[in-house]
Amino acid sequence: KLIERLQACPEFATCSDEILAKASSLETHQ
């Protein structure tokens, strides 16, 4: 449901867990 809400955003993208870790400020992203 959250993914569906976000898909309508102006800039929506998918990536691997490893790539999101490079953009995240968390030790373990969610």
All heavy atoms as atom14 arrays in JSON, in Angstrom:
{
  "sequence": "KLIERLQACPEFATCSDEILAKASSLETHQ",
  "atom14_mask": [
    [1, 1, 1, 1, 1, 1, 1, 1, 1, 0, 0, 0, 0, 0],
    [1, 1, 1, 1, 1, 1, 1, 1, 0, 0, 0, 0, 0, 0],
    [1, 1, 1, 1, 1, 1, 1, 1, 0, 0, 0, 0, 0, 0],
    [1, 1, 1, 1, 1, 1, 1, 1, 1, 0, 0, 0, 0, 0],
    [1, 1, 1, 1, 1, 1, 1, 1, 1, 1, 1, 0, 0, 0],
    [1, 1, 1, 1, 1, 1, 1, 1, 0, 0, 0, 0, 0, 0],
    [1, 1, 1, 1, 1, 1, 1, 1, 1, 0, 0, 0, 0, 0],
    [1, 1, 1, 1, 1, 0, 0, 0, 0, 0, 0, 0, 0, 0],
    [1, 1, 1, 1, 1, 1, 0, 0, 0, 0, 0, 0, 0, 0],
    [1, 1, 1, 1, 1, 1, 1, 0, 0, 0, 0, 0, 0, 0],
    [1, 1, 1, 1, 1, 1, 1, 1, 1, 0, 0, 0, 0, 0],
    [1, 1, 1, 1, 1, 1, 1, 1, 1, 1, 1, 0, 0, 0],
    [1, 1, 1, 1, 1, 0, 0, 0, 0, 0, 0, 0, 0, 0],
    [1, 1, 1, 1, 1, 1, 1, 0, 0, 0, 0, 0, 0, 0],
    [1, 1, 1, 1, 1, 1, 0, 0, 0, 0, 0, 0, 0, 0],
    [1, 1, 1, 1, 1, 1, 0, 0, 0, 0, 0, 0, 0, 0],
    [1, 1, 1, 1, 1, 1, 1, 1, 0, 0, 0, 0, 0, 0],
    [1, 1, 1, 1, 1, 1, 1, 1, 1, 0, 0, 0, 0, 0],
    [1, 1, 1, 1, 1, 1, 1, 1, 0, 0, 0, 0, 0, 0],
    [1, 1, 1, 1, 1, 1, 1, 1, 0, 0, 0, 0, 0, 0],
    [1, 1, 1, 1, 1, 0, 0, 0, 0, 0, 0, 0, 0, 0],
    [1, 1, 1, 1, 1, 1, 1, 1, 1, 0, 0, 0, 0, 0],
    [1, 1, 1, 1, 1, 0, 0, 0, 0, 0, 0, 0, 0, 0],
    [1, 1, 1, 1, 1, 1, 0, 0, 0, 0, 0, 0, 0, 0],
    [1, 1, 1, 1, 1, 1, 0, 0, 0, 0, 0, 0, 0, 0],
    [1, 1, 1, 1, 1, 1, 1, 1, 0, 0, 0, 0, 0, 0],
    [1, 1, 1, 1, 1, 1, 1, 1, 1, 0, 0, 0, 0, 0],
    [1, 1, 1, 1, 1, 1, 1, 0, 0, 0, 0, 0, 0, 0],
    [1, 1, 1, 1, 1, 1, 1, 1, 1, 1, 0, 0, 0, 0],
    [1, 1, 1, 1, 1, 1, 1, 1, 1, 0, 0, 0, 0, 0]
  ],
  "atom14_positions": [
    [[0.83, -1.21, 0.0], [0.0, 0.0, 0.0], [0.86, 1.26, 0.0], [0.55, 2.24, -0.69], [-0.94, 0.0, 1.21], [-2.04, -1.04, 1.12], [-3.0, -0.92, 2.3], [-4.14, -1.94, 2.17], [-5.09, -1.85, 3.33], [0.0, 0.0, 0.0], [0.0, 0.0, 0.0], [0.0, 0.0, 0.0], [0.0, 0.0, 0.0], [0.0, 0.0, 0.0]],
    [[1.95, 1.24, 0.76], [2.84, 2.39, 0.78], [3.53, 2.56, -0.56], [3.66, 3.69, -1.07], [3.88, 2.22, 1.9], [4.87, 3.38, 2.06], [4.14, 4.69, 2.32], [5.86, 3.07, 3.18], [0.0, 0.0, 0.0], [0.0, 0.0, 0.0], [0.0, 0.0, 0.0], [0.0, 0.0, 0.0], [0.0, 0.0, 0.0], [0.0, 0.0, 0.0]],
    [[3.96, 1.46, -1.15], [4.59, 1.54, -2.47], [3.63, 2.14, -3.48], [4.01, 3.0, -4.29], [5.04, 0.13, -2.93], [6.18, -0.38, -2.03], [5.49, 0.17, -4.39], [6.59, -1.8, -2.31], [0.0, 0.0, 0.0], [0.0, 0.0, 0.0], [0.0, 0.0, 0.0], [0.0, 0.0, 0.0], [0.0, 0.0, 0.0], [0.0, 0.0, 0.0]],
    [[2.37, 1.75, -3.43], [1.37, 2.29, -4.35], [1.2, 3.8, -4.16], [1.07, 4.55, -5.13], [0.04, 1.58, -4.13], [-1.05, 1.99, -5.13], [-2.32, 1.21, -4.94], [-2.33, 0.23, -4.18], [-3.34, 1.6, -5.56], [0.0, 0.0, 0.0], [0.0, 0.0, 0.0], [0.0, 0.0, 0.0], [0.0, 0.0, 0.0], [0.0, 0.0, 0.0]],
    [[1.22, 4.25, -2.9], [1.09, 5.69, -2.64], [2.3, 6.45, -3.2], [2.16, 7.57, -3.7], [0.97, 5.95, -1.14], [-0.28, 5.4, -0.5], [-0.29, 5.64, 1.0], [-0.55, 7.05, 1.33], [-0.57, 7.52, 2.57], [-0.32, 6.71, 3.59], [-0.82, 8.8, 2.78], [0.0, 0.0, 0.0], [0.0, 0.0, 0.0], [0.0, 0.0, 0.0]],
    [[3.46, 5.84, -3.11], [4.68, 6.53, -3.54], [4.89, 6.51, -5.04], [5.58, 7.38, -5.58], [5.9, 5.89, -2.85], [5.98, 6.08, -1.33], [7.14, 5.27, -0.77], [6.14, 7.55, -0.98], [0.0, 0.0, 0.0], [0.0, 0.0, 0.0], [0.0, 0.0, 0.0], [0.0, 0.0, 0.0], [0.0, 0.0, 0.0], [0.0, 0.0, 0.0]],
    [[4.29, 5.55, -5.74], [4.5, 5.42, -7.17], [4.02, 6.63, -7.96], [4.46, 6.85, -9.09], [3.81, 4.15, -7.69], [4.6, 2.89, -7.41], [3.88, 1.65, -7.93], [2.65, 1.59, -7.94], [4.64, 0.65, -8.34], [0.0, 0.0, 0.0], [0.0, 0.0, 0.0], [0.0, 0.0, 0.0], [0.0, 0.0, 0.0], [0.0, 0.0, 0.0]],
    [[3.12, 7.4, -7.38], [2.61, 8.58, -8.09], [3.46, 9.83, -7.86], [3.11, 10.9, -8.32], [1.16, 8.86, -7.65], [0.0, 0.0, 0.0], [0.0, 0.0, 0.0], [0.0, 0.0, 0.0], [0.0, 0.0, 0.0], [0.0, 0.0, 0.0], [0.0, 0.0, 0.0], [0.0, 0.0, 0.0], [0.0, 0.0, 0.0], [0.0, 0.0, 0.0]],
    [[4.57, 9.68, -7.14], [5.41, 10.84, -6.85], [6.15, 11.31, -8.1], [6.38, 10.54, -9.03], [6.43, 10.48, -5.76], [5.67, 10.19, -4.16], [0.0, 0.0, 0.0], [0.0, 0.0, 0.0], [0.0, 0.0, 0.0], [0.0, 0.0, 0.0], [0.0, 0.0, 0.0], [0.0, 0.0, 0.0], [0.0, 0.0, 0.0], [0.0, 0.0, 0.0]],
    [[6.53, 12.57, -8.15], [7.21, 13.12, -9.33], [8.45, 12.35, -9.73], [8.76, 12.2, -10.9], [7.56, 14.55, -8.89], [6.56, 14.88, -7.84], [6.3, 13.59, -7.12], [0.0, 0.0, 0.0], [0.0, 0.0, 0.0], [0.0, 0.0, 0.0], [0.0, 0.0, 0.0], [0.0, 0.0, 0.0], [0.0, 0.0, 0.0], [0.0, 0.0, 0.0]],
    [[9.21, 11.88, -8.74], [10.43, 11.13, -9.04], [10.46, 9.87, -8.18], [10.84, 9.91, -7.01], [11.67, 12.0, -8.77], [12.92, 11.46, -9.41], [14.01, 12.51, -9.5], [13.94, 13.51, -8.78], [14.96, 12.3, -10.29], [0.0, 0.0, 0.0], [0.0, 0.0, 0.0], [0.0, 0.0, 0.0], [0.0, 0.0, 0.0], [0.0, 0.0, 0.0]],
    [[9.99, 8.77, -8.75], [9.92, 7.5, -8.04], [10.88, 6.52, -8.71], [10.89, 6.39, -9.94], [8.5, 6.94, -8.08], [8.38, 5.56, -7.48], [8.3, 5.39, -6.12], [8.35, 4.43, -8.31], [8.19, 4.12, -5.56], [8.24, 3.16, -7.76], [8.17, 3.0, -6.38], [0.0, 0.0, 0.0], [0.0, 0.0, 0.0], [0.0, 0.0, 0.0]],
    [[11.7, 5.85, -7.91], [12.67, 4.91, -8.47], [12.82, 3.7, -7.58], [12.6, 3.76, -6.36], [14.02, 5.6, -8.66], [0.0, 0.0, 0.0], [0.0, 0.0, 0.0], [0.0, 0.0, 0.0], [0.0, 0.0, 0.0], [0.0, 0.0, 0.0], [0.0, 0.0, 0.0], [0.0, 0.0, 0.0], [0.0, 0.0, 0.0], [0.0, 0.0, 0.0]],
    [[13.2, 2.59, -8.18], [13.51, 1.37, -7.44], [15.01, 1.11, -7.53], [15.69, 1.61, -8.42], [12.75, 0.17, -8.01], [13.16, -0.03, -9.38], [11.24, 0.41, -7.97], [0.0, 0.0, 0.0], [0.0, 0.0, 0.0], [0.0, 0.0, 0.0], [0.0, 0.0, 0.0], [0.0, 0.0, 0.0], [0.0, 0.0, 0.0], [0.0, 0.0, 0.0]],
    [[15.5, 0.34, -6.59], [16.92, -0.01, -6.6], [17.12, -1.24, -5.73], [16.21, -1.71, -5.07], [17.76, 1.17, -6.09], [17.48, 1.54, -4.35], [0.0, 0.0, 0.0], [0.0, 0.0, 0.0], [0.0, 0.0, 0.0], [0.0, 0.0, 0.0], [0.0, 0.0, 0.0], [0.0, 0.0, 0.0], [0.0, 0.0, 0.0], [0.0, 0.0, 0.0]],
    [[18.33, -1.75, -5.71], [18.65, -2.89, -4.86], [18.83, -2.41, -3.42], [19.01, -1.22, -3.15], [19.94, -3.56, -5.34], [21.04, -2.69, -5.14], [0.0, 0.0, 0.0], [0.0, 0.0, 0.0], [0.0, 0.0, 0.0], [0.0, 0.0, 0.0], [0.0, 0.0, 0.0], [0.0, 0.0, 0.0], [0.0, 0.0, 0.0], [0.0, 0.0, 0.0]],
    [[18.79, -3.35, -2.49], [19.04, -3.01, -1.09], [20.43, -2.4, -0.92], [20.63, -1.49, -0.11], [18.93, -4.26, -0.21], [17.49, -4.76, -0.08], [16.57, -3.93, -0.14], [17.31, -5.99, 0.07], [0.0, 0.0, 0.0], [0.0, 0.0, 0.0], [0.0, 0.0, 0.0], [0.0, 0.0, 0.0], [0.0, 0.0, 0.0], [0.0, 0.0, 0.0]],
    [[21.4, -2.9, -1.69], [22.77, -2.42, -1.58], [22.9, -0.97, -2.04], [23.61, -0.17, -1.43], [23.71, -3.32, -2.41], [23.87, -4.73, -1.88], [22.64, -5.62, -2.11], [21.83, -5.29, -3.01], [22.51, -6.63, -1.4], [0.0, 0.0, 0.0], [0.0, 0.0, 0.0], [0.0, 0.0, 0.0], [0.0, 0.0, 0.0], [0.0, 0.0, 0.0]],
    [[22.2, -0.62, -3.1], [22.28, 0.75, -3.59], [21.56, 1.71, -2.65], [22.04, 2.82, -2.37], [21.71, 0.85, -5.02], [22.71, 0.22, -6.0], [21.42, 2.3, -5.41], [22.28, 0.26, -7.44], [0.0, 0.0, 0.0], [0.0, 0.0, 0.0], [0.0, 0.0, 0.0], [0.0, 0.0, 0.0], [0.0, 0.0, 0.0], [0.0, 0.0, 0.0]],
    [[20.42, 1.3, -2.11], [19.72, 2.18, -1.17], [20.59, 2.43, 0.06], [20.54, 3.52, 0.65], [18.38, 1.57, -0.77], [17.51, 2.43, 0.16], [17.31, 3.84, -0.39], [16.16, 1.76, 0.41], [0.0, 0.0, 0.0], [0.0, 0.0, 0.0], [0.0, 0.0, 0.0], [0.0, 0.0, 0.0], [0.0, 0.0, 0.0], [0.0, 0.0, 0.0]],
    [[21.38, 1.46, 0.45], [22.28, 1.63, 1.6], [23.25, 2.78, 1.37], [23.67, 3.45, 2.32], [23.03, 0.34, 1.88], [0.0, 0.0, 0.0], [0.0, 0.0, 0.0], [0.0, 0.0, 0.0], [0.0, 0.0, 0.0], [0.0, 0.0, 0.0], [0.0, 0.0, 0.0], [0.0, 0.0, 0.0], [0.0, 0.0, 0.0], [0.0, 0.0, 0.0]],
    [[23.6, 3.05, 0.12], [24.53, 4.14, -0.2], [23.87, 5.51, -0.03], [24.56, 6.51, 0.21], [25.03, 3.99, -1.64], [25.81, 2.72, -1.91], [27.1, 2.66, -1.11], [27.91, 1.42, -1.44], [29.17, 1.36, -0.65], [0.0, 0.0, 0.0], [0.0, 0.0, 0.0], [0.0, 0.0, 0.0], [0.0, 0.0, 0.0], [0.0, 0.0, 0.0]],
    [[22.56, 5.55, -0.15], [21.84, 6.82, 0.0], [21.29, 7.01, 1.4], [20.92, 8.12, 1.78], [20.68, 6.89, -1.01], [0.0, 0.0, 0.0], [0.0, 0.0, 0.0], [0.0, 0.0, 0.0], [0.0, 0.0, 0.0], [0.0, 0.0, 0.0], [0.0, 0.0, 0.0], [0.0, 0.0, 0.0], [0.0, 0.0, 0.0], [0.0, 0.0, 0.0]],
    [[21.24, 5.93, 2.17], [20.63, 5.97, 3.49], [21.61, 6.48, 4.55], [22.82, 6.26, 4.46], [20.13, 4.58, 3.88], [19.64, 4.56, 5.21], [0.0, 0.0, 0.0], [0.0, 0.0, 0.0], [0.0, 0.0, 0.0], [0.0, 0.0, 0.0], [0.0, 0.0, 0.0], [0.0, 0.0, 0.0], [0.0, 0.0, 0.0], [0.0, 0.0, 0.0]],
    [[21.07, 7.15, 5.56], [21.89, 7.58, 6.69], [21.79, 6.59, 7.84], [22.42, 6.79, 8.89], [21.43, 8.96, 7.17], [20.08, 8.91, 7.58], [0.0, 0.0, 0.0], [0.0, 0.0, 0.0], [0.0, 0.0, 0.0], [0.0, 0.0, 0.0], [0.0, 0.0, 0.0], [0.0, 0.0, 0.0], [0.0, 0.0, 0.0], [0.0, 0.0, 0.0]],
    [[21.02, 5.52, 7.66], [20.83, 4.51, 8.69], [21.85, 3.39, 8.53], [22.28, 3.07, 7.42], [19.42, 3.92, 8.62], [18.24, 4.9, 8.72], [16.93, 4.15, 8.53], [18.27, 5.6, 10.06], [0.0, 0.0, 0.0], [0.0, 0.0, 0.0], [0.0, 0.0, 0.0], [0.0, 0.0, 0.0], [0.0, 0.0, 0.0], [0.0, 0.0, 0.0]],
    [[22.23, 2.77, 9.64], [23.13, 1.62, 9.56], [22.46, 0.47, 8.83], [23.1, -0.25, 8.05], [23.54, 1.18, 10.98], [24.47, 2.15, 11.68], [24.99, 1.6, 12.98], [24.81, 0.39, 13.25], [25.59, 2.38, 13.74], [0.0, 0.0, 0.0], [0.0, 0.0, 0.0], [0.0, 0.0, 0.0], [0.0, 0.0, 0.0], [0.0, 0.0, 0.0]],
    [[21.17, 0.28, 9.1], [20.38, -0.73, 8.39], [19.11, -0.07, 7.9], [18.22, 0.23, 8.7], [20.04, -1.92, 9.32], [21.24, -2.48, 9.86], [19.29, -3.0, 8.54], [0.0, 0.0, 0.0], [0.0, 0.0, 0.0], [0.0, 0.0, 0.0], [0.0, 0.0, 0.0], [0.0, 0.0, 0.0], [0.0, 0.0, 0.0], [0.0, 0.0, 0.0]],
    [[19.02, 0.18, 6.61], [17.84, 0.86, 6.07], [16.63, -0.06, 6.04], [16.76, -1.29, 6.18], [18.13, 1.42, 4.67], [18.29, 0.38, 3.61], [17.22, -0.26, 3.03], [19.4, -0.14, 3.01], [17.65, -1.12, 2.12], [18.98, -1.07, 2.09], [0.0, 0.0, 0.0], [0.0, 0.0, 0.0], [0.0, 0.0, 0.0], [0.0, 0.0, 0.0]],
    [[15.46, 0.53, 5.87], [14.21, -0.23, 5.91], [13.54, -0.36, 4.55], [12.37, -0.69, 4.47], [13.26, 0.42, 6.92], [13.82, 0.44, 8.34], [12.91, 1.15, 9.31], [11.69, 1.18, 9.15], [13.48, 1.75, 10.33], [0.0, 0.0, 0.0], [0.0, 0.0, 0.0], [0.0, 0.0, 0.0], [0.0, 0.0, 0.0], [0.0, 0.0, 0.0]]
  ]
}
